[in-house]
Amino acid sequence: MRAAVVYESLYGNTASIAEAIGRGLRSTGMEVTVVGFDAFSPSQVVDLDLLIVGAPTHAHGLSHHATRETARDDEQNRFEGATPEPGLRDWLHDLPDGAARASVAFDTRLHGPKLLTGSAAKTIESKLEDHGFQVAAPAESFEVTKENTLAAGEEARAEAWAADMGSLLETVLDEEQAP
């Protein structure tokens, strides 16, 4: 099974979670690419069995030009891979038909109810469905602190979540392919 974990990251937290998800999926035997969205053409999704897309939650949803600019200008931001323009929102807009391929969304966000914090993952999930992708598992959120660092244990949780999801997807695909 071929999978890609495609992400946008402004402070490095989403990149770290994406790498952990990649490790979890690889532990199930999947062939996995983990890559920033700007290095993965939307047309490449046609070669995948599973597309996982993640982003940080900014201003209650997906980042936009102003939130990316704020992150890039933040003197405390040490992440060298600050998101280029245009952002993930535009990348999602350019996706080809998903042809019912499996997809999953994730985000990083502050602790609290989604009603108060928002969720980039919900927007990602909706956009993937709009392009004909099949949601294989509910969107997942991973917590960051007010200091823009991952909350303790979130990388391990992401890796375990991905391993569980990968095992389940492998089982479902095996059953579908059985005579």
Foldseek 3Di string as FASTA:
>chain_A
DEEEEEEAELQCAFLLLLVLLQLLLVVQVYHYHYYYLVVDQLAVLVVGLEYEYEYAQDPQAHDQPVVLVVSVPPPPRPDPCRDDPPHPVVRLVPHAQNQQREYEYEYEWADDDSVPIHGHRVVSVVSNVVSHYHHQDYYYYFYDYPSRHGDPPRSVVSSNVSNVSSNVVVVVVVVVPDD
